Amino acid sequence: MPVAIITGASKGLGEALADALAARGWDLVIDARDAVPLAETAGLLSAHGTRVTALPGDVADAGHRAELVAAAWRQGGVDLVVHNASALGAEPLVPLEELPLDGLRRALEVNVVAALGLVQEALPLLRASAAGAVLVVSSDAAAEAYATWGGYGASKAALDQLAAVLAVEEPALRVWSVDPGDMATDLYAAAVPDDDGPRPAPAAVVPAFLRLLDERPASGRYSAPALLEEAR
C-alpha cells in the first residue's frame, strides 16, 4: 500500500484528505499538536482498514519530523508528503503595522522551514518511491494582497517558491503547491472571527487533491477550485 505523511491532520483539510486517502487504501502517518483530537481522527481513519500512525507534536520540531518519517519507513516508505500544518502569525489577523515579529517568525517556521525540513528528512524515501510526490497547501493570500494577511501570505508565497525550486531540483518527483480556496476551517475562523459567511467544507475540495494524485500533472502551483471546475 502507498504511504502518506500528512501534517495538521486532526481536523479541517488535513483530516478530510487523510480520510479520502484511507478510503482508497493508503497507509498514513498523521500529526497535530493536540493529542486528543488526533487520536480521535486516527480511530476514524483506522475504520477503513488501513494502518494509521498518529504522532502528536509540533512540526516545527526537527525531532518530531524525524519521528514522522521513521514511522512512515516502518510502514514501507514514503510515497506522498502533505504539508498542511499552518500558523497564522496572529489570531485574529492584524495589519503589518501591528504584526508581532515573533508571530511572523512562527508563521515562517511552521509554514516554510518545517515544510522544507520534513521534505529533507523524507527525500531519500520519496526518491525510492515509484511515484513520489510532495503536496504543500498554499493560499490565495500568497498571490494576492489582502489587508491583514501580509505575514501569513508572505509565508505561503515563500512556500510556493520553495516548492517550485524543489520541482526543478527533483524532476523525478511531483511537487504541487495547491491553493484550496475558501473553506470553513478553524484556521479561517481564528484569522477572521467576525466573518461568518458560508464557505465550503474542506471535504468539498478534497476531490481536487485526489485529481492531482490520479492524473499526476506536471509539478507546479494549482488552484483547487479551478481543478474542480475543469472536472465538471
Protein backbone atom coordinates (compact mmCIF):
# COMPACT_ATOMS: atom_id res chain seq x y z
CA MET A 1 0.00 0.00 0.00
CA PRO A 2 1.21 3.56 -0.62
CA VAL A 3 2.17 5.59 2.43
CA ALA A 4 1.46 9.27 3.05
CA ILE A 5 2.63 11.65 5.75
CA ILE A 6 0.04 14.37 6.41
CA THR A 7 0.70 17.20 8.86
CA GLY A 8 -2.08 19.05 10.62
CA ALA A 9 -4.40 16.10 10.11
CA SER A 10 -6.59 16.17 13.20
CA LYS A 11 -9.22 18.43 11.63
CA GLY A 12 -10.07 20.54 8.62
CA LEU A 13 -8.47 19.87 5.26
CA GLY A 14 -5.81 17.57 6.69
CA GLU A 15 -8.40 15.29 8.25
CA ALA A 16 -10.61 15.32 5.14
CA LEU A 17 -7.70 14.43 2.85
CA ALA A 18 -6.48 11.73 5.24
CA ASP A 19 -9.97 10.20 5.28
CA ALA A 20 -10.14 10.17 1.49
CA LEU A 21 -6.74 8.52 1.18
CA ALA A 22 -7.54 5.96 3.88
CA ALA A 23 -10.73 5.08 1.99
CA ARG A 24 -8.52 4.40 -1.03
CA GLY A 25 -6.28 2.05 0.94
CA TRP A 26 -3.40 4.36 1.76
CA ASP A 27 -1.43 3.81 4.94
CA LEU A 28 -0.97 7.03 6.86
CA VAL A 29 1.30 8.82 9.28
CA ILE A 30 -0.51 11.86 10.68
CA ASP A 31 0.35 14.57 13.15
CA ALA A 32 -1.15 17.52 15.01
CA ARG A 33 -0.20 19.43 18.12
CA ASP A 34 -3.22 18.33 20.17
CA ALA A 35 -3.06 14.63 21.01
CA VAL A 36 -6.74 14.14 21.87
CA PRO A 37 -8.39 15.12 18.55
CA LEU A 38 -5.52 13.47 16.70
CA ALA A 39 -6.23 10.16 18.43
CA GLU A 40 -9.93 10.52 17.64
CA THR A 41 -9.14 11.12 13.99
CA ALA A 42 -6.79 8.14 13.90
CA GLY A 43 -9.58 5.93 15.21
CA LEU A 44 -11.94 7.08 12.46
CA LEU A 45 -9.29 6.58 9.77
CA SER A 46 -8.43 3.09 11.03
CA ALA A 47 -12.02 2.07 10.40
CA HIS A 48 -11.11 1.99 6.70
CA GLY A 49 -8.83 -0.96 7.43
CA THR A 50 -5.56 0.85 6.75
CA ARG A 51 -2.59 1.34 9.03
CA VAL A 52 -2.60 4.71 10.75
CA THR A 53 0.19 6.04 12.94
CA ALA A 54 -0.73 9.20 14.85
CA LEU A 55 2.14 11.18 16.35
CA PRO A 56 1.24 14.32 18.28
CA GLY A 57 3.83 17.05 18.17
CA ASP A 58 4.98 20.30 16.65
CA VAL A 59 6.08 20.02 13.03
CA ALA A 60 8.49 22.89 13.68
CA ASP A 61 10.49 20.50 15.88
CA ALA A 62 13.18 18.61 13.96
CA GLY A 63 12.95 15.59 16.25
CA HIS A 64 9.23 15.30 15.62
CA ARG A 65 9.74 15.46 11.86
CA ALA A 66 12.29 12.67 12.11
CA GLU A 67 9.74 10.58 14.05
CA LEU A 68 7.15 11.09 11.31
CA VAL A 69 9.50 9.87 8.60
CA ALA A 70 10.75 6.97 10.71
CA ALA A 71 7.14 5.87 11.28
CA ALA A 72 6.47 6.00 7.54
CA TRP A 73 9.63 3.99 6.86
CA ARG A 74 8.35 1.29 9.22
CA GLN A 75 5.15 1.18 7.16
CA GLY A 76 7.10 0.68 3.96
CA GLY A 77 8.37 4.05 2.82
CA VAL A 78 7.09 7.48 1.79
CA ASP A 79 5.08 7.97 -1.39
CA LEU A 80 3.49 11.30 -0.51
CA VAL A 81 4.28 14.15 1.87
CA VAL A 82 1.46 16.62 2.50
CA HIS A 83 2.47 19.75 4.39
CA ASN A 84 -0.88 21.05 5.58
CA ALA A 85 0.02 22.38 9.05
CA SER A 86 -0.12 26.18 9.12
CA ALA A 87 0.36 29.08 11.52
CA LEU A 88 -1.26 32.47 11.00
CA GLY A 89 1.23 34.67 12.84
CA ALA A 90 -1.54 36.44 14.73
CA GLU A 91 -5.04 35.41 15.79
CA PRO A 92 -7.06 37.28 14.69
CA LEU A 93 -5.05 38.70 11.83
CA VAL A 94 -3.78 42.27 12.15
CA PRO A 95 -2.23 44.88 9.81
CA LEU A 96 1.51 44.63 9.26
CA GLU A 97 2.00 47.67 11.48
CA GLU A 98 0.74 45.59 14.40
CA LEU A 99 2.03 42.15 13.43
CA PRO A 100 4.17 40.72 16.25
CA LEU A 101 7.55 39.78 14.83
CA ASP A 102 7.54 36.64 16.94
CA GLY A 103 4.25 35.75 15.27
CA LEU A 104 5.77 36.24 11.85
CA ARG A 105 8.73 34.07 12.85
CA ARG A 106 6.31 31.37 13.98
CA ALA A 107 4.41 31.51 10.67
CA LEU A 108 7.66 31.22 8.72
CA GLU A 109 8.90 28.40 10.95
CA VAL A 110 5.74 26.30 10.57
CA ASN A 111 4.71 27.19 7.04
CA VAL A 112 8.13 27.26 5.36
CA VAL A 113 11.02 25.97 7.45
CA ALA A 114 9.13 22.94 8.73
CA ALA A 115 7.94 22.11 5.22
CA LEU A 116 11.49 22.03 3.92
CA GLY A 117 12.73 20.17 6.97
CA LEU A 118 10.14 17.44 6.51
CA VAL A 119 10.92 17.10 2.82
CA GLN A 120 14.66 16.93 3.53
CA GLU A 121 14.02 14.16 6.05
CA ALA A 122 11.77 12.23 3.67
CA LEU A 123 13.65 12.84 0.43
CA PRO A 124 15.58 9.55 0.28
CA LEU A 125 12.33 7.60 0.69
CA LEU A 126 10.47 9.81 -1.78
CA ARG A 127 13.19 9.22 -4.37
CA ALA A 128 12.90 5.47 -3.79
CA SER A 129 9.15 5.52 -4.40
CA ALA A 130 7.82 4.71 -7.84
CA ALA A 131 5.51 7.72 -7.60
CA GLY A 132 6.99 10.08 -5.02
CA ALA A 133 5.11 13.34 -4.55
CA VAL A 134 5.14 16.40 -2.33
CA LEU A 135 1.99 18.46 -1.85
CA VAL A 136 2.08 21.74 0.06
CA VAL A 137 -1.06 23.66 0.96
CA SER A 138 -0.78 27.26 -0.16
CA SER A 139 -3.29 30.11 -0.15
CA ASP A 140 -4.61 32.82 -2.45
CA ALA A 141 -3.01 35.18 0.09
CA ALA A 142 0.33 34.06 -1.35
CA ALA A 143 -0.53 35.71 -4.67
CA GLU A 144 -2.99 38.48 -3.77
CA ALA A 145 -2.55 41.45 -1.42
CA TYR A 146 -5.23 41.27 1.25
CA ALA A 147 -5.18 43.65 4.21
CA THR A 148 -4.14 41.89 7.46
CA TRP A 149 -2.98 38.77 5.59
CA GLY A 150 0.56 40.06 4.99
CA GLY A 151 2.53 37.83 7.33
CA TYR A 152 0.62 34.66 6.52
CA GLY A 153 0.59 35.46 2.81
CA ALA A 154 4.33 36.12 2.80
CA SER A 155 4.97 32.74 4.39
CA LYS A 156 2.79 30.98 1.83
CA ALA A 157 4.47 32.85 -1.03
CA ALA A 158 7.80 31.61 0.27
CA LEU A 159 6.35 28.09 0.44
CA ASP A 160 5.24 28.36 -3.19
CA GLN A 161 8.74 29.35 -4.27
CA LEU A 162 10.30 26.57 -2.20
CA ALA A 163 8.02 24.05 -3.94
CA ALA A 164 8.85 25.48 -7.37
CA VAL A 165 12.58 25.18 -6.79
CA LEU A 166 12.22 21.69 -5.34
CA ALA A 167 10.41 20.65 -8.52
CA VAL A 168 13.36 21.84 -10.60
CA GLU A 169 15.91 20.12 -8.38
CA GLU A 170 13.94 16.85 -8.11
CA PRO A 171 12.47 16.30 -11.59
CA ALA A 172 11.62 12.65 -10.84
CA LEU A 173 9.15 13.78 -8.16
CA ARG A 174 5.85 15.56 -8.48
CA VAL A 175 5.79 18.73 -6.38
CA TRP A 176 2.45 20.52 -6.20
CA SER A 177 1.54 23.70 -4.37
CA VAL A 178 -2.23 23.93 -4.05
CA ASP A 179 -4.43 26.89 -3.16
CA PRO A 180 -7.50 25.18 -1.67
CA GLY A 181 -9.70 28.27 -1.93
CA ASP A 182 -12.17 29.39 0.71
CA MET A 183 -13.06 26.75 3.29
CA ALA A 184 -14.88 26.62 6.59
CA THR A 185 -11.96 25.79 8.88
CA ASP A 186 -10.88 26.62 12.41
CA LEU A 187 -7.85 28.38 10.90
CA TYR A 188 -10.04 30.80 8.96
CA ALA A 189 -12.30 31.33 11.97
CA ALA A 190 -9.24 32.22 14.05
CA ALA A 191 -7.96 34.54 11.34
CA VAL A 192 -11.19 36.47 10.80
CA PRO A 193 -13.57 35.65 13.66
CA ASP A 194 -16.14 38.27 12.61
CA ASP A 195 -16.61 36.73 9.15
CA ASP A 196 -19.32 34.09 9.45
CA GLY A 197 -20.20 33.89 5.77
CA PRO A 198 -20.94 30.47 4.25
CA ARG A 199 -17.92 28.56 2.99
CA PRO A 200 -17.42 25.05 1.59
CA ALA A 201 -16.48 22.26 3.96
CA PRO A 202 -12.89 21.03 3.50
CA ALA A 203 -14.18 17.71 2.18
CA ALA A 204 -15.69 19.55 -0.77
CA VAL A 205 -12.24 20.47 -2.14
CA VAL A 206 -10.56 17.12 -1.50
CA PRO A 207 -11.50 15.79 -4.97
CA ALA A 208 -9.16 18.41 -6.43
CA PHE A 209 -6.26 16.98 -4.45
CA LEU A 210 -7.21 13.44 -5.45
CA ARG A 211 -7.27 14.52 -9.09
CA LEU A 212 -3.62 15.55 -8.80
CA LEU A 213 -2.73 12.14 -7.37
CA ASP A 214 -4.73 10.33 -10.05
CA GLU A 215 -3.60 12.30 -13.08
CA ARG A 216 -0.12 13.34 -11.85
CA PRO A 217 0.12 16.56 -13.87
CA ALA A 218 3.40 18.47 -14.06
CA SER A 219 4.79 19.96 -10.90
CA GLY A 220 3.51 23.47 -10.27
CA ARG A 221 1.01 25.67 -8.47
CA TYR A 222 -2.65 24.70 -8.77
CA SER A 223 -5.98 26.10 -7.64
CA ALA A 224 -8.37 23.56 -6.14
CA PRO A 225 -11.48 25.46 -7.30
CA ALA A 226 -10.07 25.55 -10.86
CA LEU A 227 -9.32 21.83 -10.78
CA LEU A 228 -12.86 21.11 -9.62
CA GLU A 229 -14.34 23.36 -12.32
CA GLU A 230 -12.29 21.67 -15.05
CA ALA A 231 -13.50 18.26 -13.88
CA ARG A 232 -17.17 19.17 -14.31
